[in-house]
Amino acid sequence: MPDDLYTRARVAWPTLEVAESEFVAWVAERVEGETRLAGDLYIAFACAHGDVTAIALFEQHFLREVEHAAAKLRVSPTLADEAKQVVRDLLFVGREDKPPAIGQYAGRGDLRGWTRVVAMRELLKLRSRDAKEVPIGDEALLDALSPANDPELELAKSRYREVFGTAFRDALARLPAKDRA
């Protein structure tokens, strides 16, 4: 790895300041040999370490890839906004079992393309999820919850329909003619 890696990274992102030794060590873990993506690795490193300036710059320069992916897939603006939030969460928020995904960026391709792939995957997951969810209106929901759609009641009706019909006709036949009318 050339000695000017850090210098090239700083030129790409002059407003970001990270420790040179930590950055160079981080890159050495991910990249074999030289890389032309010093700037992409630098901002990814800063984002992975929670640098708020880096995250703001990332949002400004790279997060629009979610919008490009959404346009390509022709998803609704609502789904595109949801995907943008999911990608933010995935990239920058660590979990107990999983660190922020931005730390997995290894500089095999440019950061813009890597971000587009992440966005595309999340959009496809969300679109698939939405296809399984069929929105219904209030009337349909009320009809579904109606006692008339009670499965237990339907079972009882089918089981006892004949017995009930016979008992009802017998009871009706025993009534005086005036009450039957």
Protein backbone atom coordinates (compact mmCIF):
# COMPACT_ATOMS: atom_id res chain seq x y z
CA MET A 1 0.00 0.00 0.00
CA PRO A 2 1.55 3.31 -0.96
CA ASP A 3 2.46 5.83 1.73
CA ASP A 4 0.29 8.46 0.05
CA LEU A 5 -2.97 6.56 0.73
CA TYR A 6 -3.80 8.81 3.65
CA THR A 7 -2.83 11.93 1.69
CA ARG A 8 -5.05 10.94 -1.24
CA ALA A 9 -7.89 10.21 1.16
CA ARG A 10 -7.52 13.58 2.87
CA VAL A 11 -7.53 15.34 -0.51
CA ALA A 12 -10.80 13.59 -1.37
CA TRP A 13 -12.41 14.54 1.96
CA PRO A 14 -10.52 17.54 3.37
CA THR A 15 -13.12 18.28 6.07
CA LEU A 16 -12.73 14.83 7.63
CA GLU A 17 -9.97 14.10 10.09
CA VAL A 18 -9.25 10.58 11.28
CA ALA A 19 -6.13 9.07 12.77
CA GLU A 20 -3.77 8.08 9.96
CA SER A 21 -2.47 4.94 11.67
CA GLU A 22 -5.99 3.65 12.42
CA PHE A 23 -7.16 4.34 8.88
CA VAL A 24 -4.13 2.68 7.27
CA ALA A 25 -4.52 -0.38 9.55
CA TRP A 26 -8.24 -0.60 8.73
CA VAL A 27 -7.54 -0.45 4.99
CA ALA A 28 -4.76 -3.06 5.30
CA GLU A 29 -7.31 -5.49 6.80
CA ARG A 30 -9.58 -5.08 3.76
CA VAL A 31 -7.44 -4.31 0.74
CA GLU A 32 -4.51 -6.18 -0.73
CA GLY A 33 -2.03 -4.04 -2.62
CA GLU A 34 -2.74 -0.61 -4.02
CA THR A 35 -6.15 0.97 -4.31
CA ARG A 36 -7.48 3.89 -6.28
CA LEU A 37 -10.39 4.16 -3.84
CA ALA A 38 -8.59 5.89 -0.97
CA GLY A 39 -11.32 8.54 -0.66
CA ASP A 40 -14.14 5.97 -0.60
CA LEU A 41 -12.33 3.90 2.02
CA TYR A 42 -11.63 7.02 4.07
CA ILE A 43 -15.26 8.14 4.31
CA ALA A 44 -16.40 4.55 4.94
CA PHE A 45 -13.85 4.27 7.76
CA ALA A 46 -15.01 7.55 9.30
CA CYS A 47 -18.69 6.54 9.02
CA ALA A 48 -17.98 3.11 10.52
CA HIS A 49 -16.43 4.87 13.51
CA GLY A 50 -19.48 7.10 14.00
CA ASP A 51 -18.05 10.37 12.71
CA VAL A 52 -21.14 12.61 12.34
CA THR A 53 -19.48 14.82 9.73
CA ALA A 54 -18.64 11.74 7.65
CA ILE A 55 -22.19 10.42 7.94
CA ALA A 56 -23.58 13.80 6.84
CA LEU A 57 -21.19 13.82 3.86
CA PHE A 58 -22.11 10.24 3.01
CA GLU A 59 -25.80 11.16 3.05
CA GLN A 60 -25.14 14.14 0.82
CA HIS A 61 -22.94 12.31 -1.72
CA PHE A 62 -23.97 8.65 -1.66
CA LEU A 63 -27.43 8.16 -0.19
CA ARG A 64 -29.12 9.46 -3.32
CA GLU A 65 -28.27 6.03 -4.76
CA VAL A 66 -31.36 4.81 -2.92
CA GLU A 67 -33.46 7.21 -4.99
CA HIS A 68 -31.78 6.06 -8.21
CA ALA A 69 -32.42 2.41 -7.32
CA ALA A 70 -36.04 3.23 -6.40
CA ALA A 71 -36.56 4.97 -9.75
CA LYS A 72 -35.07 2.00 -11.58
CA LEU A 73 -37.43 -0.38 -9.77
CA ARG A 74 -40.36 2.05 -10.17
CA VAL A 75 -41.41 1.86 -6.55
CA SER A 76 -43.65 4.39 -4.83
CA PRO A 77 -42.14 7.48 -3.18
CA THR A 78 -43.32 6.13 0.18
CA LEU A 79 -41.43 2.88 -0.32
CA ALA A 80 -38.37 4.82 -1.52
CA ASP A 81 -38.42 6.91 1.68
CA GLU A 82 -38.79 3.80 3.80
CA ALA A 83 -35.90 2.17 1.96
CA LYS A 84 -33.73 5.22 2.54
CA GLN A 85 -34.36 4.95 6.28
CA VAL A 86 -33.70 1.20 6.26
CA VAL A 87 -30.41 1.75 4.42
CA ARG A 88 -29.38 4.47 6.90
CA ASP A 89 -30.14 2.13 9.77
CA LEU A 90 -28.32 -0.79 8.16
CA LEU A 91 -25.22 1.23 7.28
CA PHE A 92 -24.77 3.40 10.36
CA VAL A 93 -26.48 1.77 13.33
CA GLY A 94 -24.75 -1.11 15.04
CA ARG A 95 -26.54 -3.87 16.88
CA GLU A 96 -25.28 -6.20 19.59
CA ASP A 97 -24.93 -9.00 17.07
CA LYS A 98 -23.98 -6.91 14.05
CA PRO A 99 -21.80 -3.82 13.57
CA PRO A 100 -22.78 -1.06 11.11
CA ALA A 101 -22.64 -2.45 7.57
CA ILE A 102 -20.54 0.46 6.29
CA GLY A 103 -17.62 -1.18 8.09
CA GLN A 104 -17.88 -4.11 5.66
CA TYR A 105 -17.01 -1.94 2.68
CA ALA A 106 -13.75 -3.35 1.36
CA GLY A 107 -13.01 -1.12 -1.60
CA ARG A 108 -13.52 -3.81 -4.28
CA GLY A 109 -15.62 -1.31 -6.19
CA ASP A 110 -16.52 2.33 -5.77
CA LEU A 111 -18.59 3.29 -2.75
CA ARG A 112 -21.38 4.73 -4.89
CA GLY A 113 -21.91 1.37 -6.63
CA TRP A 114 -21.66 -0.52 -3.32
CA THR A 115 -24.31 1.78 -1.85
CA ARG A 116 -26.53 1.23 -4.90
CA VAL A 117 -26.30 -2.55 -4.42
CA VAL A 118 -27.24 -2.23 -0.73
CA ALA A 119 -30.15 0.04 -1.67
CA MET A 120 -31.35 -2.31 -4.42
CA ARG A 121 -31.34 -5.29 -2.05
CA GLU A 122 -33.30 -3.44 0.60
CA LEU A 123 -35.80 -2.09 -1.94
CA LEU A 124 -36.40 -5.58 -3.31
CA LYS A 125 -36.95 -6.91 0.23
CA LEU A 126 -39.40 -4.11 1.00
CA ARG A 127 -41.23 -4.50 -2.30
CA SER A 128 -41.52 -8.24 -1.73
CA ARG A 129 -42.85 -7.64 1.78
CA ASP A 130 -45.40 -5.14 0.48
CA ALA A 131 -46.57 -7.58 -2.19
CA LYS A 132 -47.47 -10.03 0.58
CA GLU A 133 -49.43 -7.40 2.47
CA VAL A 134 -52.77 -6.74 0.80
CA PRO A 135 -54.24 -3.47 1.99
CA ILE A 136 -57.95 -3.62 2.74
CA GLY A 137 -60.40 -0.84 3.38
CA ASP A 138 -62.25 -0.17 6.61
CA GLU A 139 -65.49 -1.75 5.31
CA ALA A 140 -63.73 -4.97 4.33
CA LEU A 141 -62.02 -5.08 7.71
CA LEU A 142 -65.33 -4.60 9.53
CA ASP A 143 -66.94 -7.32 7.40
CA ALA A 144 -64.09 -9.69 8.24
CA LEU A 145 -64.55 -9.01 11.94
CA SER A 146 -68.34 -9.33 11.76
CA PRO A 147 -69.98 -12.05 13.87
CA ALA A 148 -71.47 -13.35 10.62
CA ASN A 149 -67.94 -14.50 9.68
CA ASP A 150 -67.37 -16.41 12.90
CA PRO A 151 -65.87 -19.82 12.01
CA GLU A 152 -67.19 -21.44 15.18
CA LEU A 153 -70.69 -20.19 14.44
CA GLU A 154 -70.43 -21.46 10.87
CA LEU A 155 -69.38 -24.91 12.14
CA ALA A 156 -72.29 -25.03 14.60
CA LYS A 157 -74.74 -23.99 11.85
CA SER A 158 -73.52 -26.66 9.46
CA ARG A 159 -73.60 -29.37 12.16
CA TYR A 160 -77.00 -28.56 13.63
CA ARG A 161 -78.86 -27.03 10.65
CA GLU A 162 -80.97 -30.11 10.00
CA VAL A 163 -81.72 -30.84 13.69
CA PHE A 164 -82.61 -27.20 14.33
CA GLY A 165 -84.83 -27.05 11.23
CA THR A 166 -86.76 -30.14 12.33
CA ALA A 167 -87.13 -28.88 15.93
CA PHE A 168 -88.25 -25.43 14.72
CA ARG A 169 -90.90 -26.87 12.34
CA ASP A 170 -92.21 -29.17 15.12
CA ALA A 171 -92.44 -26.27 17.59
CA LEU A 172 -94.19 -24.12 14.98
CA ALA A 173 -96.68 -26.88 14.19
CA ARG A 174 -97.68 -27.14 17.89
CA LEU A 175 -98.58 -23.44 18.07
CA PRO A 176 -102.18 -22.38 17.62
CA ALA A 177 -102.92 -21.07 14.09
CA LYS A 178 -103.25 -17.47 15.31
CA ASP A 179 -99.72 -17.54 16.91
CA ARG A 180 -98.22 -19.27 13.86
CA ALA A 181 -99.38 -16.40 11.62
